[in-house]
Amino acid sequence: MNVVELTRSLVDIESISGNEAEVGRFLHAYLSKLATNTGGSVERMEVEPGRYNVLATWGQPTVTLSTHMDTVPPFFGSREDAGQVWGRGSCDAKGIIAAMIGAAEKLLNSGTWDIALLFVVGEERNSAGAIAASKSPRGSRFLINGEPTENKLALASKGALRFELSARGRLAHSAYPELGESAIEKLLDALEAIRCVRLPESPVLGPSTLNIGTVSGGVAPNVIADSASAEILLRLVGDPGPVREALEAAVGDRAELKEVLCIPAIEFQSVDGFATTVVSYTTDVPMFGGAWGKPLLLGPGSIHVAHTSEERVAEKDLRQAVDLYADVVRRLQSS
């Protein structure tokens, strides 16, 4: 398949986080055919029962091309329109998978070996695949991670700090609120205090940002709520320590603040002659822990349409990405 056909085939396989088995089987079969014809090998790297990463290697890999197989919900299949491939995962990150495979084919056809393709599960939720892969490195000196960067090499990306916030109260009839204690009001006060926290800024990455992602609580409008909860996510630009302390002080005894995830901000390897950018999202790269080599970040598509009903990637950008990945691999191998 060419890169557009392969992108569409991948997009048409539903692989919302936790349900990557079918796309994993497809990639294992596809790469096994390629490996058989080119002297490579393919394996499943178990992450947990029923979930696995897919790794294809040729020679002794010095450069690994890697991205994720999973997508956010909801699933919707592919279509082509005006030179664009639409569908869930088209730019995040199934078009990237297709471009990486295309680059590997191009490199192998030109006699370039010592490369690997690593496609992981769980990036959109908890980076389970990258964490598992970090425990089984294969000697690669460089890791080219794929995310939508508009085909520019990213110089840095923000980190992520996620919390669950829970408040407790006392049930009562809403006609007699003095007999109860509203957990929802406590939660709202805690969230407002968090929103007033002054967050750090970076000269490279810009400001930290806060998102209140979910809020829930109570049982009925005529009952004083005895429980309420929220999930918040901060995009980090530096040391998470002062941010933690500031949030804990802001919340006080209104609610319980539980840290769920912390991924640091990171700087990436650059390559002379390539256009560059800085991104505000978080990637799998910190979870690899350097085990697969110095990281780079590059991929076709715009993050602005990822995770939306407008997700798409330009066909010309997919074709350009094939050449860019191959070019970067050659340069890294000669460095």
Foldseek 3Di string as FASTA:
>chain_A
DALVVQLQVLLQDAAAFPRQLVSQVVVQVVVVVVCVVQVKDKDWADLDVSFTKIKIFFDQAQEEEEEESHFHDDWDHWDDDPQKIDTTCSVRPSSVVSLQVLLVVVCSVVPHHRYMYIYFGDWVHALSRLLSVLVPERNHAEYEYEHAPQQFKEFKEWKKWKKKKKAFKAKDFQVCCVVIGALVVLVVQLVVLLVPQQFDADPAQGTKDKDFDDKDWDDDPRMRTGMIMTMMMITHDADCVVVVVSSCVSSDPSIDIGIDDIAHMDGADDDPPGHYDHYHDDGSVVSSVCSNHTYIYGGFDDPVCHPHNGDMTRNVSSVVSSVSVNVVSVVVVVD
